[in-house]
N, C-alpha and C. Protein backbone atom coordinates (compact mmCIF):
# COMPACT_ATOMS: atom_id res chain seq x y z
N MET A 1 -15.28 15.48 5.88
CA MET A 1 -14.35 15.24 5.28
C MET A 1 -12.82 16.03 5.52
N ALA A 2 -12.08 15.00 6.17
CA ALA A 2 -11.06 15.78 6.56
C ALA A 2 -9.91 14.27 7.28
N LEU A 3 -8.58 14.51 6.36
CA LEU A 3 -7.52 13.77 7.32
C LEU A 3 -6.92 13.70 7.94
N LYS A 4 -5.90 13.10 8.63
CA LYS A 4 -5.70 13.28 9.80
C LYS A 4 -4.59 12.67 9.88
N ILE A 5 -3.19 13.39 10.96
CA ILE A 5 -2.12 13.00 11.02
C ILE A 5 -2.06 12.03 12.14
N PHE A 6 -1.35 11.38 11.93
CA PHE A 6 -1.73 10.21 12.69
C PHE A 6 -0.05 10.57 13.75
N GLU A 7 0.12 10.02 15.27
CA GLU A 7 1.29 10.51 15.77
C GLU A 7 2.68 9.68 15.04
N THR A 8 2.96 8.80 14.41
CA THR A 8 4.06 8.34 13.45
C THR A 8 4.46 9.55 13.22
N CYS A 9 4.16 10.58 12.32
CA CYS A 9 4.68 11.73 12.24
C CYS A 9 5.78 11.85 12.69
N VAL A 10 6.75 12.60 12.04
CA VAL A 10 8.06 13.07 12.19
C VAL A 10 8.97 14.04 11.99
N ASN A 11 7.42 15.36 12.26
CA ASN A 11 7.74 16.44 11.50
C ASN A 11 9.20 16.98 10.45
N CYS A 12 8.66 16.05 9.46
CA CYS A 12 9.46 16.80 8.78
C CYS A 12 9.28 17.93 7.75
N TRP A 13 8.38 18.62 8.40
CA TRP A 13 7.56 19.55 7.03
C TRP A 13 7.95 19.67 5.59
N ALA A 14 7.66 17.86 5.31
CA ALA A 14 7.31 18.08 3.73
C ALA A 14 5.60 18.52 2.87
N CYS A 15 4.65 18.37 4.36
CA CYS A 15 3.35 18.31 4.18
C CYS A 15 2.79 19.63 4.33
N GLU A 16 3.12 20.38 5.43
CA GLU A 16 2.93 21.65 5.49
C GLU A 16 2.51 22.82 4.28
N PRO A 17 3.74 23.19 4.12
CA PRO A 17 3.80 23.98 2.45
C PRO A 17 2.79 22.88 1.44
N LEU A 18 2.63 22.13 1.04
CA LEU A 18 1.88 21.90 0.27
C LEU A 18 0.09 22.11 0.55
N CYS A 19 -0.05 22.01 1.59
CA CYS A 19 -1.47 21.92 1.49
C CYS A 19 -2.18 23.39 1.00
N PRO A 20 -3.06 23.24 0.09
CA PRO A 20 -3.41 24.25 -0.97
C PRO A 20 -4.66 24.84 0.16
N SER A 21 -5.37 24.17 1.54
CA SER A 21 -5.95 25.15 2.18
C SER A 21 -5.35 25.69 3.80
N THR A 22 -4.19 25.47 4.02
CA THR A 22 -3.35 25.70 4.74
C THR A 22 -4.16 25.44 5.94
N ALA A 23 -4.42 23.88 5.63
CA ALA A 23 -4.79 23.51 7.06
C ALA A 23 -3.96 22.55 8.50
N ILE A 24 -2.92 22.15 7.04
CA ILE A 24 -1.33 21.71 8.25
C ILE A 24 -0.90 22.43 9.04
N TYR A 25 -0.50 22.17 10.84
CA TYR A 25 -0.06 22.88 11.61
C TYR A 25 0.84 22.37 12.12
N GLU A 26 2.08 23.33 12.89
CA GLU A 26 2.79 22.46 13.62
C GLU A 26 2.09 22.13 15.25
N ALA A 27 2.42 21.00 15.87
CA ALA A 27 1.93 20.71 17.35
C ALA A 27 2.71 20.13 17.69
N ARG A 28 2.63 19.53 18.91
CA ARG A 28 3.02 18.86 19.86
C ARG A 28 2.65 17.46 20.11
N PRO A 29 2.93 16.77 19.70
CA PRO A 29 4.63 16.23 19.27
C PRO A 29 4.67 15.94 17.93
N HIS A 30 3.55 16.15 16.97
CA HIS A 30 3.86 15.89 15.51
C HIS A 30 2.84 17.05 15.17
N PHE A 31 3.01 17.23 13.30
CA PHE A 31 1.72 18.22 12.94
C PHE A 31 -0.03 17.59 13.14
N LEU A 32 -0.58 18.39 12.96
CA LEU A 32 -1.91 18.29 12.74
C LEU A 32 -2.82 19.12 11.76
N ILE A 33 -4.05 18.29 11.15
CA ILE A 33 -4.60 18.77 10.23
C ILE A 33 -6.02 19.61 10.52
N ASP A 34 -6.47 20.61 10.48
CA ASP A 34 -7.40 21.58 10.99
C ASP A 34 -8.66 20.92 10.22
N ALA A 35 -9.43 20.08 10.92
CA ALA A 35 -10.63 19.27 10.14
C ALA A 35 -11.64 20.37 9.26
N LYS A 36 -11.51 21.61 10.10
CA LYS A 36 -12.57 22.50 9.27
C LYS A 36 -11.74 23.03 8.11
N LYS A 37 -10.50 22.84 7.78
CA LYS A 37 -10.08 23.81 6.63
C LYS A 37 -9.66 22.85 5.92
N CYS A 38 -9.14 21.25 6.24
CA CYS A 38 -9.13 20.42 4.89
C CYS A 38 -10.30 20.10 4.32
N THR A 39 -9.71 20.41 3.00
CA THR A 39 -10.87 19.58 1.76
C THR A 39 -10.75 18.52 1.19
N GLU A 40 -9.26 17.85 1.68
CA GLU A 40 -8.79 16.89 1.02
C GLU A 40 -8.20 17.02 -0.29
N CYS A 41 -7.90 17.95 -0.73
CA CYS A 41 -7.67 18.54 -1.95
C CYS A 41 -8.58 18.71 -3.29
N GLU A 42 -9.56 18.31 -2.58
CA GLU A 42 -10.64 18.41 -3.82
C GLU A 42 -10.79 19.75 -4.21
N GLY A 43 -10.85 19.70 -5.75
CA GLY A 43 -10.55 21.02 -6.27
C GLY A 43 -9.50 21.70 -6.59
N ASP A 44 -8.61 21.14 -5.90
CA ASP A 44 -7.47 21.39 -6.15
C ASP A 44 -6.50 20.55 -6.79
N TYR A 45 -6.78 19.35 -6.17
CA TYR A 45 -5.76 18.37 -6.59
C TYR A 45 -6.05 16.80 -6.93
N SER A 46 -6.21 16.33 -7.72
CA SER A 46 -6.55 14.82 -7.57
C SER A 46 -6.34 14.02 -6.63
N ASP A 47 -5.13 14.06 -5.59
CA ASP A 47 -4.84 13.37 -4.98
C ASP A 47 -4.52 14.21 -3.59
N PRO A 48 -4.51 13.69 -2.65
CA PRO A 48 -4.26 14.95 -1.15
C PRO A 48 -2.53 14.91 -1.05
N GLN A 49 -1.90 15.92 -0.91
CA GLN A 49 -0.76 16.95 -1.42
C GLN A 49 -0.04 16.16 -0.47
N CYS A 50 -0.70 16.16 0.81
CA CYS A 50 0.15 15.65 2.09
C CYS A 50 0.69 14.41 2.21
N ALA A 51 -0.97 13.22 1.47
CA ALA A 51 -0.48 12.57 1.73
C ALA A 51 0.34 11.52 0.43
N SER A 52 0.47 12.93 -0.60
CA SER A 52 1.56 12.12 -1.68
C SER A 52 2.69 12.20 -1.14
N ILE A 53 3.17 13.15 -0.32
CA ILE A 53 4.69 13.58 0.04
C ILE A 53 5.32 13.10 1.07
N CYS A 54 4.45 12.70 1.70
CA CYS A 54 4.44 11.72 2.96
C CYS A 54 5.27 10.78 2.88
N PRO A 55 6.81 10.95 3.56
CA PRO A 55 7.63 9.64 3.51
C PRO A 55 7.17 8.54 4.74
N ILE A 56 6.27 8.84 5.77
CA ILE A 56 5.98 7.44 6.30
C ILE A 56 4.74 7.21 6.40
N GLU A 57 4.97 5.86 6.25
CA GLU A 57 4.00 4.72 5.61
C GLU A 57 2.80 4.99 6.90
N GLY A 58 1.42 5.00 7.34
CA GLY A 58 0.55 5.30 7.87
C GLY A 58 0.11 6.41 8.90
N ALA A 59 1.18 7.38 8.67
CA ALA A 59 0.90 8.81 9.38
C ALA A 59 0.06 9.54 8.76
N ILE A 60 -0.75 9.29 7.60
CA ILE A 60 -2.07 10.32 7.55
C ILE A 60 -3.37 9.12 7.26
N LEU A 61 -4.73 9.71 7.79
CA LEU A 61 -5.31 8.55 7.42
C LEU A 61 -5.90 9.47 6.87
N GLY A 62 -6.99 8.93 6.14
CA GLY A 62 -8.28 9.29 5.52
C GLY A 62 -9.03 9.49 6.39
N SER A 63 -10.43 10.01 5.92
CA SER A 63 -11.59 10.28 6.26
C SER A 63 -12.21 8.87 6.98
N LEU A 64 -12.06 8.06 6.40
CA LEU A 64 -12.40 6.89 6.77
C LEU A 64 -11.68 5.98 7.84
N GLY A 65 -10.43 6.14 8.04
CA GLY A 65 -9.48 6.22 9.26
C GLY A 65 -8.56 5.09 8.40
N GLU A 66 -8.49 5.19 6.93
CA GLU A 66 -7.76 3.82 6.39
C GLU A 66 -6.13 5.00 6.00
N ALA A 67 -5.22 4.42 5.84
CA ALA A 67 -3.67 5.25 5.89
C ALA A 67 -3.55 5.06 4.57
N MET A 68 -3.49 6.82 4.29
CA MET A 68 -3.43 6.69 2.93
C MET A 68 -1.96 6.36 2.52
N ASN A 69 -0.62 6.13 3.31
CA ASN A 69 0.46 5.36 2.85
C ASN A 69 0.27 4.32 3.58
N PRO A 70 -0.34 3.15 3.16
CA PRO A 70 -0.09 1.73 3.73
C PRO A 70 0.92 1.50 3.84
N PRO A 71 1.32 0.57 5.20
CA PRO A 71 2.36 -0.13 5.10
C PRO A 71 3.16 -1.10 3.77
N GLY A 72 4.35 -0.63 3.48
CA GLY A 72 4.20 -1.95 2.19
C GLY A 72 4.20 -0.54 0.84
N SER A 73 3.59 0.37 0.84
CA SER A 73 3.33 1.02 -0.26
C SER A 73 4.61 1.84 -0.89
N LEU A 74 5.73 2.57 0.03
CA LEU A 74 6.63 3.06 -0.09
C LEU A 74 7.36 2.71 -0.44
N THR A 75 7.91 1.06 0.40
CA THR A 75 9.14 0.84 -0.37
C THR A 75 8.86 -0.57 -1.11
N GLY A 76 7.39 -1.33 -1.76
CA GLY A 76 6.96 -1.77 -2.23
C GLY A 76 7.65 -3.13 -2.24
N ILE A 77 7.26 -3.30 -0.32
CA ILE A 77 7.87 -4.43 0.41
C ILE A 77 6.54 -4.98 0.89
N PRO A 78 5.66 -6.25 0.67
CA PRO A 78 4.65 -6.30 1.54
C PRO A 78 5.24 -6.74 2.93
N PRO A 79 4.26 -5.88 4.18
CA PRO A 79 4.79 -6.23 5.91
C PRO A 79 5.27 -7.14 5.55
N GLU A 80 4.38 -8.42 5.68
CA GLU A 80 4.74 -9.73 5.65
C GLU A 80 6.52 -10.35 5.39
N LYS A 81 6.72 -10.34 3.97
CA LYS A 81 7.84 -9.96 3.32
C LYS A 81 9.14 -9.27 4.37
N MET A 82 8.97 -8.03 4.50
CA MET A 82 9.50 -7.20 5.92
C MET A 82 9.72 -7.94 6.88
N ALA A 83 8.23 -8.36 7.17
CA ALA A 83 9.14 -8.77 8.61
C ALA A 83 9.78 -9.89 8.72
N GLN A 84 10.19 -10.64 7.73
CA GLN A 84 10.82 -12.15 7.38
C GLN A 84 12.18 -11.60 7.21
N ALA A 85 11.95 -10.46 6.17
CA ALA A 85 13.44 -10.30 5.64
C ALA A 85 14.20 -9.83 7.17
N MET A 86 13.26 -8.80 8.25
CA MET A 86 13.91 -8.05 9.05
C MET A 86 14.39 -9.43 10.06
N ALA A 87 13.28 -10.58 10.60
CA ALA A 87 13.30 -11.60 11.46
C ALA A 87 14.97 -12.37 10.46
N GLU A 88 15.48 -12.41 9.63
CA GLU A 88 16.19 -13.36 9.21
C GLU A 88 17.79 -12.46 9.14
N LEU A 89 17.60 -10.72 9.42
CA LEU A 89 18.65 -10.13 9.81
C LEU A 89 18.91 -10.53 10.81
N GLN A 90 18.07 -9.99 11.56
CA GLN A 90 18.33 -10.22 12.97
C GLN A 90 18.97 -11.61 13.70
N ALA A 91 18.39 -12.60 13.03
CA ALA A 91 18.89 -13.84 13.56
C ALA A 91 20.17 -14.23 12.86
N HIS A 92 21.17 -13.33 12.79
CA HIS A 92 22.57 -13.48 11.46
C HIS A 92 22.93 -12.80 13.10
């Protein structure tokens, strides 16, 4: 059981100080999570703290490989509507 920070991480430092098990560390080109230390915040918090603060959709993956902040979760805009809006903006 461990979360994983994906390559879309922008090294914003939001997650690192919140990790109760100090599993998050700075690496190149993005932060990483030490799988041996990560507890997914079980016993400390009801939700993984790194995922709850992460401003990047899809940057943190759960132990089953699912995005903790899937596309649309932070903006409230479904991905297909976002793609349509972006296409309309680029057309003008």
